[in-house]
Amino acid sequence: MSLMKRISLIFRSKASKAIDRAEDPRETLDYSYQRQVELLTKVRRGVADVATSRKRVELQVTQLEQQAAKLTAQAQKAIEVGREDLAREALTRKSALTSQIGDLQAQHAQLQAEEEKLVSSQQRLQAKVEAFRTRKETIKATYTAAEAQTRINEAVSGIGEEMGDVGLAIQRAEDKTAQMQARAGAIDELIASGALDDATATNRGDDIARELDALSSTSDVEAELARLKAGAQPQAIEAPESGPILAGEAQAQPVADEEGRS
């Protein structure tokens, strides 16, 4: 296959595909029905034209028959008055009219046959058009229902364009939300580790101040702990020293007794 034939084949295949995609069967059926109705109208117009011609021939035949009857009467009257020459002239004209009447009657018969044929064709065509119209409406209704069902199924399954866009939008929103949550968690960890400064904290960016604050906080904790321990020591010491103190008082009492005796 030559290069030009291949290019022509590709072009025709793509054009056929594009036309098939753009074609709406309902519009095509409506257009075909319109063309058939136009054809039926032309057939009816043809029947009317033939009937008009037939009627015109009938009128001509009637007029010629009236003229022939008049010539017959004139010939009869000419014979009565002894004018054979006038009678012969009248009969000669009548003979010519009779010939014309015969031709017109033949045309009338031909037109009548043609009219009957056209009427029969019109009736058959009209029946076909009516049958086509019924089938067309049935096909259109079926196609519309199938199209609606297809759109519903595509929407439910998410493969339709609109619902597909909605699904992609939801997926993008979820991805962005997860990304923002991950970023917020990472920034919190960096601030907690000191890799990033807290913009709302005082002395931000001053490492020495932060360390001094930490030491001060530690010193405060140690001092508070020592104060608590100091407050708890007297109770623990007084208990064991109560014995010796009472013993000292017991030793001092005999001395006083001895002084009283002296």
C-alpha atoms as a PDB file:
ATOM      1  CA  MET A   1       0.000   0.000   0.000  1.00  0.00           C
ATOM      2  CA  SER A   2       1.477   3.326  -1.042  1.00  0.00           C
ATOM      3  CA  LEU A   3       1.969   6.245   1.323  1.00  0.00           C
ATOM      4  CA  MET A   4      -0.835   8.317  -0.243  1.00  0.00           C
ATOM      5  CA  LYS A   5      -3.299   5.448   0.058  1.00  0.00           C
ATOM      6  CA  ARG A   6      -2.415   4.982   3.706  1.00  0.00           C
ATOM      7  CA  ILE A   7      -2.850   8.730   4.372  1.00  0.00           C
ATOM      8  CA  SER A   8      -6.184   8.694   2.540  1.00  0.00           C
ATOM      9  CA  LEU A   9      -7.336   5.648   4.510  1.00  0.00           C
ATOM     10  CA  ILE A  10      -6.368   7.260   7.842  1.00  0.00           C
ATOM     11  CA  PHE A  11      -8.111  10.508   6.895  1.00  0.00           C
ATOM     12  CA  ARG A  12     -11.307   8.714   5.865  1.00  0.00           C
ATOM     13  CA  SER A  13     -11.326   6.560   9.013  1.00  0.00           C
ATOM     14  CA  LYS A  14     -10.876   9.582  11.305  1.00  0.00           C
ATOM     15  CA  ALA A  15     -13.500  11.596   9.405  1.00  0.00           C
ATOM     16  CA  SER A  16     -15.949   8.679   9.634  1.00  0.00           C
ATOM     17  CA  LYS A  17     -15.310   8.371  13.355  1.00  0.00           C
ATOM     18  CA  ALA A  18     -15.812  12.123  13.893  1.00  0.00           C
ATOM     19  CA  ILE A  19     -19.033  12.119  11.869  1.00  0.00           C
ATOM     20  CA  ASP A  20     -20.306   9.052  13.725  1.00  0.00           C
ATOM     21  CA  ARG A  21     -19.591  10.760  17.052  1.00  0.00           C
ATOM     22  CA  ALA A  22     -21.397  13.949  15.979  1.00  0.00           C
ATOM     23  CA  GLU A  23     -24.390  12.106  14.542  1.00  0.00           C
ATOM     24  CA  ASP A  24     -27.592  12.021  16.589  1.00  0.00           C
ATOM     25  CA  PRO A  25     -29.860   9.169  15.403  1.00  0.00           C
ATOM     26  CA  ARG A  26     -32.956  11.117  16.468  1.00  0.00           C
ATOM     27  CA  GLU A  27     -32.024  14.065  14.275  1.00  0.00           C
ATOM     28  CA  THR A  28     -31.236  11.730  11.380  1.00  0.00           C
ATOM     29  CA  LEU A  29     -34.626  10.016  11.710  1.00  0.00           C
ATOM     30  CA  ASP A  30     -36.431  13.359  11.896  1.00  0.00           C
ATOM     31  CA  TYR A  31     -34.628  14.513   8.770  1.00  0.00           C
ATOM     32  CA  SER A  32     -35.517  11.293   6.919  1.00  0.00           C
ATOM     33  CA  TYR A  33     -39.157  11.659   7.961  1.00  0.00           C
ATOM     34  CA  GLN A  34     -39.162  15.254   6.779  1.00  0.00           C
ATOM     35  CA  ARG A  35     -37.800  14.176   3.391  1.00  0.00           C
ATOM     36  CA  GLN A  36     -40.510  11.501   3.079  1.00  0.00           C
ATOM     37  CA  VAL A  37     -43.207  14.015   3.989  1.00  0.00           C
ATOM     38  CA  GLU A  38     -41.848  16.359   1.324  1.00  0.00           C
ATOM     39  CA  LEU A  39     -41.921  13.491  -1.207  1.00  0.00           C
ATOM     40  CA  LEU A  40     -45.505  12.663  -0.224  1.00  0.00           C
ATOM     41  CA  THR A  41     -46.445  16.317  -0.678  1.00  0.00           C
ATOM     42  CA  LYS A  42     -44.956  16.247  -4.185  1.00  0.00           C
ATOM     43  CA  VAL A  43     -46.936  13.102  -5.050  1.00  0.00           C
ATOM     44  CA  ARG A  44     -50.153  14.718  -3.789  1.00  0.00           C
ATOM     45  CA  ARG A  45     -49.374  17.797  -5.838  1.00  0.00           C
ATOM     46  CA  GLY A  46     -48.823  15.580  -8.884  1.00  0.00           C
ATOM     47  CA  VAL A  47     -52.184  13.865  -8.301  1.00  0.00           C
ATOM     48  CA  ALA A  48     -53.856  17.266  -8.073  1.00  0.00           C
ATOM     49  CA  ASP A  49     -52.171  18.404 -11.306  1.00  0.00           C
ATOM     50  CA  VAL A  50     -53.272  15.259 -13.186  1.00  0.00           C
ATOM     51  CA  ALA A  51     -56.814  15.582 -11.815  1.00  0.00           C
ATOM     52  CA  THR A  52     -56.872  19.212 -12.938  1.00  0.00           C
ATOM     53  CA  SER A  53     -55.777  18.233 -16.440  1.00  0.00           C
ATOM     54  CA  ARG A  54     -58.396  15.466 -16.561  1.00  0.00           C
ATOM     55  CA  LYS A  55     -61.077  17.913 -15.486  1.00  0.00           C
ATOM     56  CA  ARG A  56     -59.975  20.396 -18.131  1.00  0.00           C
ATOM     57  CA  VAL A  57     -60.199  17.700 -20.813  1.00  0.00           C
ATOM     58  CA  GLU A  58     -63.681  16.806 -19.586  1.00  0.00           C
ATOM     59  CA  LEU A  59     -64.750  20.441 -19.938  1.00  0.00           C
ATOM     60  CA  GLN A  60     -63.307  20.604 -23.458  1.00  0.00           C
ATOM     61  CA  VAL A  61     -65.090  17.388 -24.436  1.00  0.00           C
ATOM     62  CA  THR A  62     -68.347  18.767 -23.045  1.00  0.00           C
ATOM     63  CA  GLN A  63     -67.923  22.005 -24.996  1.00  0.00           C
ATOM     64  CA  LEU A  64     -67.079  20.134 -28.212  1.00  0.00           C
ATOM     65  CA  GLU A  65     -70.055  17.793 -27.746  1.00  0.00           C
ATOM     66  CA  GLN A  66     -72.285  20.840 -27.302  1.00  0.00           C
ATOM     67  CA  GLN A  67     -70.827  22.357 -30.492  1.00  0.00           C
ATOM     68  CA  ALA A  68     -71.325  19.048 -32.339  1.00  0.00           C
ATOM     69  CA  ALA A  69     -74.939  18.903 -31.172  1.00  0.00           C
ATOM     70  CA  LYS A  70     -75.412  22.474 -32.337  1.00  0.00           C
ATOM     71  CA  LEU A  71     -73.953  21.658 -35.796  1.00  0.00           C
ATOM     72  CA  THR A  72     -76.222  18.624 -36.032  1.00  0.00           C
ATOM     73  CA  ALA A  73     -79.192  20.838 -35.304  1.00  0.00           C
ATOM     74  CA  GLN A  74     -78.004  23.375 -37.884  1.00  0.00           C
ATOM     75  CA  ALA A  75     -77.579  20.665 -40.513  1.00  0.00           C
ATOM     76  CA  GLN A  76     -81.057  19.371 -39.768  1.00  0.00           C
ATOM     77  CA  LYS A  77     -82.497  22.877 -40.110  1.00  0.00           C
ATOM     78  CA  ALA A  78     -80.560  23.499 -43.358  1.00  0.00           C
ATOM     79  CA  ILE A  79     -82.033  20.323 -44.861  1.00  0.00           C
ATOM     80  CA  GLU A  80     -85.482  21.455 -43.815  1.00  0.00           C
ATOM     81  CA  VAL A  81     -85.026  24.762 -45.618  1.00  0.00           C
ATOM     82  CA  GLY A  82     -83.484  23.088 -48.686  1.00  0.00           C
ATOM     83  CA  ARG A  83     -79.945  24.268 -48.044  1.00  0.00           C
ATOM     84  CA  GLU A  84     -78.014  21.086 -48.559  1.00  0.00           C
ATOM     85  CA  ASP A  85     -74.730  22.936 -48.890  1.00  0.00           C
ATOM     86  CA  LEU A  86     -75.106  24.436 -45.432  1.00  0.00           C
ATOM     87  CA  ALA A  87     -76.070  21.065 -44.082  1.00  0.00           C
ATOM     88  CA  ARG A  88     -72.958  19.534 -45.608  1.00  0.00           C
ATOM     89  CA  GLU A  89     -70.738  22.303 -44.117  1.00  0.00           C
ATOM     90  CA  ALA A  90     -72.253  21.796 -40.722  1.00  0.00           C
ATOM     91  CA  LEU A  91     -71.768  18.055 -40.890  1.00  0.00           C
ATOM     92  CA  THR A  92     -68.172  18.542 -42.049  1.00  0.00           C
ATOM     93  CA  ARG A  93     -67.445  20.739 -39.016  1.00  0.00           C
ATOM     94  CA  LYS A  94     -69.200  18.219 -36.813  1.00  0.00           C
ATOM     95  CA  SER A  95     -66.981  15.486 -38.181  1.00  0.00           C
ATOM     96  CA  ALA A  96     -63.868  17.515 -37.257  1.00  0.00           C
ATOM     97  CA  LEU A  97     -65.252  18.110 -33.770  1.00  0.00           C
ATOM     98  CA  THR A  98     -66.014  14.423 -33.409  1.00  0.00           C
ATOM     99  CA  SER A  99     -62.404  13.623 -34.242  1.00  0.00           C
ATOM    100  CA  GLN A 100     -61.203  16.144 -31.611  1.00  0.00           C
ATOM    101  CA  ILE A 101     -63.664  14.714 -29.110  1.00  0.00           C
ATOM    102  CA  GLY A 102     -62.257  11.252 -29.742  1.00  0.00           C
ATOM    103  CA  ASP A 103     -58.697  12.458 -29.163  1.00  0.00           C
ATOM    104  CA  LEU A 104     -59.703  14.296 -25.991  1.00  0.00           C
ATOM    105  CA  GLN A 105     -61.530  11.229 -24.691  1.00  0.00           C
ATOM    106  CA  ALA A 106     -58.396   9.183 -25.281  1.00  0.00           C
ATOM    107  CA  GLN A 107     -56.360  11.781 -23.371  1.00  0.00           C
ATOM    108  CA  HIS A 108     -59.010  11.751 -20.651  1.00  0.00           C
ATOM    109  CA  ALA A 109     -58.773   7.998 -20.294  1.00  0.00           C
ATOM    110  CA  GLN A 110     -54.977   8.214 -20.176  1.00  0.00           C
ATOM    111  CA  LEU A 111     -55.077  10.984 -17.566  1.00  0.00           C
ATOM    112  CA  GLN A 112     -57.618   9.085 -15.525  1.00  0.00           C
ATOM    113  CA  ALA A 113     -55.436   5.976 -15.541  1.00  0.00           C
ATOM    114  CA  GLU A 114     -52.437   8.084 -14.602  1.00  0.00           C
ATOM    115  CA  GLU A 115     -54.417   9.698 -11.808  1.00  0.00           C
ATOM    116  CA  GLU A 116     -55.524   6.342 -10.434  1.00  0.00           C
ATOM    117  CA  LYS A 117     -51.928   5.120 -10.529  1.00  0.00           C
ATOM    118  CA  LEU A 118     -50.730   8.223  -8.705  1.00  0.00           C
ATOM    119  CA  VAL A 119     -53.502   7.931  -6.141  1.00  0.00           C
ATOM    120  CA  SER A 120     -52.510   4.318  -5.505  1.00  0.00           C
ATOM    121  CA  SER A 121     -48.846   5.320  -5.191  1.00  0.00           C
ATOM    122  CA  GLN A 122     -49.815   8.153  -2.880  1.00  0.00           C
ATOM    123  CA  GLN A 123     -51.752   5.798  -0.618  1.00  0.00           C
ATOM    124  CA  ARG A 124     -48.872   3.313  -0.458  1.00  0.00           C
ATOM    125  CA  LEU A 125     -46.369   6.089   0.196  1.00  0.00           C
ATOM    126  CA  GLN A 126     -48.575   7.611   2.860  1.00  0.00           C
ATOM    127  CA  ALA A 127     -48.884   4.240   4.598  1.00  0.00           C
ATOM    128  CA  LYS A 128     -45.096   3.839   4.508  1.00  0.00           C
ATOM    129  CA  VAL A 129     -44.596   7.347   5.869  1.00  0.00           C
ATOM    130  CA  GLU A 130     -47.015   6.688   8.713  1.00  0.00           C
ATOM    131  CA  ALA A 131     -45.302   3.384   9.509  1.00  0.00           C
ATOM    132  CA  PHE A 132     -41.921   5.107   9.393  1.00  0.00           C
ATOM    133  CA  ARG A 133     -43.179   7.856  11.698  1.00  0.00           C
ATOM    134  CA  THR A 134     -44.395   5.288  14.246  1.00  0.00           C
ATOM    135  CA  ARG A 135     -41.127   3.363  14.074  1.00  0.00           C
ATOM    136  CA  LYS A 136     -39.159   6.610  14.233  1.00  0.00           C
ATOM    137  CA  GLU A 137     -40.885   7.721  17.424  1.00  0.00           C
ATOM    138  CA  THR A 138     -40.370   4.272  18.953  1.00  0.00           C
ATOM    139  CA  ILE A 139     -36.676   4.297  18.106  1.00  0.00           C
ATOM    140  CA  LYS A 140     -36.285   7.851  19.411  1.00  0.00           C
ATOM    141  CA  ALA A 141     -37.978   6.983  22.703  1.00  0.00           C
ATOM    142  CA  THR A 142     -35.856   3.850  23.069  1.00  0.00           C
ATOM    143  CA  TYR A 143     -32.677   5.769  22.246  1.00  0.00           C
ATOM    144  CA  THR A 144     -33.550   8.544  24.715  1.00  0.00           C
ATOM    145  CA  ALA A 145     -34.243   6.027  27.471  1.00  0.00           C
ATOM    146  CA  ALA A 146     -31.003   4.170  26.733  1.00  0.00           C
ATOM    147  CA  GLU A 147     -29.080   7.450  26.686  1.00  0.00           C
ATOM    148  CA  ALA A 148     -30.562   8.516  30.037  1.00  0.00           C
ATOM    149  CA  GLN A 149     -29.829   5.090  31.534  1.00  0.00           C
ATOM    150  CA  THR A 150     -26.249   5.286  30.265  1.00  0.00           C
ATOM    151  CA  ARG A 151     -25.757   8.729  31.811  1.00  0.00           C
ATOM    152  CA  ILE A 152     -27.201   7.509  35.115  1.00  0.00           C
ATOM    153  CA  ASN A 153     -24.933   4.453  35.122  1.00  0.00           C
ATOM    154  CA  GLU A 154     -21.912   6.615  34.258  1.00  0.00           C
ATOM    155  CA  ALA A 155     -22.798   9.022  37.064  1.00  0.00           C
ATOM    156  CA  VAL A 156     -23.265   6.199  39.560  1.00  0.00           C
ATOM    157  CA  SER A 157     -20.068   4.427  38.534  1.00  0.00           C
ATOM    158  CA  GLY A 158     -18.095   7.677  38.378  1.00  0.00           C
ATOM    159  CA  ILE A 159     -16.880   7.176  34.819  1.00  0.00           C
ATOM    160  CA  GLY A 160     -18.915  10.073  33.489  1.00  0.00           C
ATOM    161  CA  GLU A 161     -17.190  13.366  32.756  1.00  0.00           C
ATOM    162  CA  GLU A 162     -19.066  15.415  35.372  1.00  0.00           C
ATOM    163  CA  MET A 163     -18.885  12.841  38.162  1.00  0.00           C
ATOM    164  CA  GLY A 164     -15.319  12.044  37.142  1.00  0.00           C
ATOM    165  CA  ASP A 165     -14.395  15.697  37.659  1.00  0.00           C
ATOM    166  CA  VAL A 166     -16.143  15.643  41.046  1.00  0.00           C
ATOM    167  CA  GLY A 167     -14.234  12.520  42.039  1.00  0.00           C
ATOM    168  CA  LEU A 168     -10.928  14.076  40.964  1.00  0.00           C
ATOM    169  CA  ALA A 169     -11.756  17.274  42.894  1.00  0.00           C
ATOM    170  CA  ILE A 170     -12.477  15.249  46.037  1.00  0.00           C
ATOM    171  CA  GLN A 171      -9.229  13.310  45.586  1.00  0.00           C
ATOM    172  CA  ARG A 172      -7.265  16.560  45.167  1.00  0.00           C
ATOM    173  CA  ALA A 173      -8.903  18.060  48.278  1.00  0.00           C
ATOM    174  CA  GLU A 174      -8.036  14.952  50.327  1.00  0.00           C
ATOM    175  CA  ASP A 175      -4.441  15.013  49.063  1.00  0.00           C
ATOM    176  CA  LYS A 176      -4.062  18.710  49.934  1.00  0.00           C
ATOM    177  CA  THR A 177      -5.575  18.153  53.388  1.00  0.00           C
ATOM    178  CA  ALA A 178      -3.166  15.286  54.100  1.00  0.00           C
ATOM    179  CA  GLN A 179      -0.267  17.392  52.832  1.00  0.00           C
ATOM    180  CA  MET A 180      -1.246  20.309  55.086  1.00  0.00           C
ATOM    181  CA  GLN A 181      -1.632  18.024  58.104  1.00  0.00           C
ATOM    182  CA  ALA A 182       1.788  16.479  57.472  1.00  0.00           C
ATOM    183  CA  ARG A 183       3.364  19.933  57.091  1.00  0.00           C
ATOM    184  CA  ALA A 184       1.763  21.186  60.319  1.00  0.00           C
ATOM    185  CA  GLY A 185       3.030  18.123  62.227  1.00  0.00           C
ATOM    186  CA  ALA A 186       6.535  18.524  60.804  1.00  0.00           C
ATOM    187  CA  ILE A 187       6.658  22.225  61.782  1.00  0.00           C
ATOM    188  CA  ASP A 188       5.513  21.384  65.332  1.00  0.00           C
ATOM    189  CA  GLU A 189       8.303  18.817  65.639  1.00  0.00           C
ATOM    190  CA  LEU A 190      10.907  21.272  64.322  1.00  0.00           C
ATOM    191  CA  ILE A 191       9.749  23.981  66.763  1.00  0.00           C
ATOM    192  CA  ALA A 192       9.815  21.514  69.636  1.00  0.00           C
ATOM    193  CA  SER A 193      13.330  20.386  68.724  1.00  0.00           C
ATOM    194  CA  GLY A 194      14.538  23.993  68.371  1.00  0.00           C
ATOM    195  CA  ALA A 195      15.328  23.704  64.700  1.00  0.00           C
ATOM    196  CA  LEU A 196      12.744  26.434  64.081  1.00  0.00           C
ATOM    197  CA  ASP A 197      11.931  29.480  66.228  1.00  0.00           C
ATOM    198  CA  ASP A 198       8.563  30.157  67.745  1.00  0.00           C
ATOM    199  CA  ALA A 199       7.529  33.533  66.340  1.00  0.00           C
ATOM    200  CA  THR A 200       5.149  34.152  69.268  1.00  0.00           C
ATOM    201  CA  ALA A 201       7.746  33.409  72.014  1.00  0.00           C
ATOM    202  CA  THR A 202       9.811  36.111  73.750  1.00  0.00           C
ATOM    203  CA  ASN A 203      13.605  36.042  73.257  1.00  0.00           C
ATOM    204  CA  ARG A 204      13.027  34.032  70.076  1.00  0.00           C
ATOM    205  CA  GLY A 205      16.202  33.443  68.195  1.00  0.00           C
ATOM    206  CA  ASP A 206      18.406  34.000  71.317  1.00  0.00           C
ATOM    207  CA  ASP A 207      19.983  30.652  72.222  1.00  0.00           C
ATOM    208  CA  ILE A 208      21.761  31.999  75.313  1.00  0.00           C
ATOM    209  CA  ALA A 209      18.549  33.472  76.664  1.00  0.00           C
ATOM    210  CA  ARG A 210      16.782  30.183  76.157  1.00  0.00           C
ATOM    211  CA  GLU A 211      19.527  28.298  77.989  1.00  0.00           C
ATOM    212  CA  LEU A 212      19.540  30.813  80.837  1.00  0.00           C
ATOM    213  CA  ASP A 213      15.798  30.516  81.077  1.00  0.00           C
ATOM    214  CA  ALA A 214      16.161  26.743  81.187  1.00  0.00           C
ATOM    215  CA  LEU A 215      18.830  26.962  83.949  1.00  0.00           C
ATOM    216  CA  SER A 216      16.719  29.433  85.882  1.00  0.00           C
ATOM    217  CA  SER A 217      13.801  27.120  85.665  1.00  0.00           C
ATOM    218  CA  THR A 218      15.974  24.237  86.862  1.00  0.00           C
ATOM    219  CA  SER A 219      17.330  26.334  89.762  1.00  0.00           C
ATOM    220  CA  ASP A 220      13.839  27.297  90.780  1.00  0.00           C
ATOM    221  CA  VAL A 221      12.845  23.672  90.828  1.00  0.00           C
ATOM    222  CA  GLU A 222      15.889  22.692  92.957  1.00  0.00           C
ATOM    223  CA  ALA A 223      15.294  25.569  95.377  1.00  0.00           C
ATOM    224  CA  GLU A 224      11.655  24.638  95.793  1.00  0.00           C
ATOM    225  CA  LEU A 225      12.661  21.051  96.407  1.00  0.00           C
ATOM    226  CA  ALA A 226      15.235  22.095  99.055  1.00  0.00           C
ATOM    227  CA  ARG A 227      12.668  24.317 100.737  1.00  0.00           C
ATOM    228  CA  LEU A 228      10.270  21.470 100.955  1.00  0.00           C
ATOM    229  CA  LYS A 229      12.943  19.215 102.409  1.00  0.00           C
ATOM    230  CA  ALA A 230      13.952  21.864 104.968  1.00  0.00           C
ATOM    231  CA  GLY A 231      10.365  22.269 106.057  1.00  0.00           C
ATOM    232  CA  ALA A 232      10.051  18.538 106.561  1.00  0.00           C
ATOM    233  CA  GLN A 233      13.344  18.024 108.667  1.00  0.00           C
ATOM    234  CA  PRO A 234      12.292  19.461 112.139  1.00  0.00           C
ATOM    235  CA  GLN A 235       9.543  16.925 112.647  1.00  0.00           C
ATOM    236  CA  ALA A 236      11.895  14.098 111.786  1.00  0.00           C
ATOM    237  CA  ILE A 237      14.691  15.321 114.204  1.00  0.00           C
ATOM    238  CA  GLU A 238      12.558  16.199 117.303  1.00  0.00           C
ATOM    239  CA  ALA A 239      11.263  12.669 117.697  1.00  0.00           C
ATOM    240  CA  PRO A 240      14.578  10.895 118.411  1.00  0.00           C
ATOM    241  CA  GLU A 241      15.986  13.760 120.691  1.00  0.00           C
ATOM    242  CA  SER A 242      12.986  13.764 123.075  1.00  0.00           C
ATOM    243  CA  GLY A 243      14.534  10.949 125.196  1.00  0.00           C
ATOM    244  CA  PRO A 244      17.851  12.579 126.088  1.00  0.00           C
ATOM    245  CA  ILE A 245      16.185  15.864 126.858  1.00  0.00           C
ATOM    246  CA  LEU A 246      13.892  14.182 129.352  1.00  0.00           C
ATOM    247  CA  ALA A 247      16.891  12.333 130.773  1.00  0.00           C
ATOM    248  CA  GLY A 248      18.715  15.659 131.342  1.00  0.00           C
ATOM    249  CA  GLU A 249      15.727  16.995 133.229  1.00  0.00           C
ATOM    250  CA  ALA A 250      15.698  13.830 135.317  1.00  0.00           C
ATOM    251  CA  GLN A 251      19.400  14.266 136.119  1.00  0.00           C
ATOM    252  CA  ALA A 252      18.928  17.979 137.032  1.00  0.00           C
ATOM    253  CA  GLN A 253      16.106  17.229 139.486  1.00  0.00           C
ATOM    254  CA  PRO A 254      18.272  15.246 142.000  1.00  0.00           C
ATOM    255  CA  VAL A 255      20.719  18.208 142.176  1.00  0.00           C
ATOM    256  CA  ALA A 256      17.897  20.500 143.143  1.00  0.00           C
ATOM    257  CA  ASP A 257      16.838  18.049 145.787  1.00  0.00           C
ATOM    258  CA  GLU A 258      20.361  17.939 147.132  1.00  0.00           C
ATOM    259  CA  GLU A 259      20.534  21.774 147.318  1.00  0.00           C
ATOM    260  CA  GLY A 260      17.272  21.824 149.298  1.00  0.00           C
ATOM    261  CA  ARG A 261      18.673  19.341 151.772  1.00  0.00           C
ATOM    262  CA  SER A 262      21.829  21.375 152.173  1.00  0.00           C
END
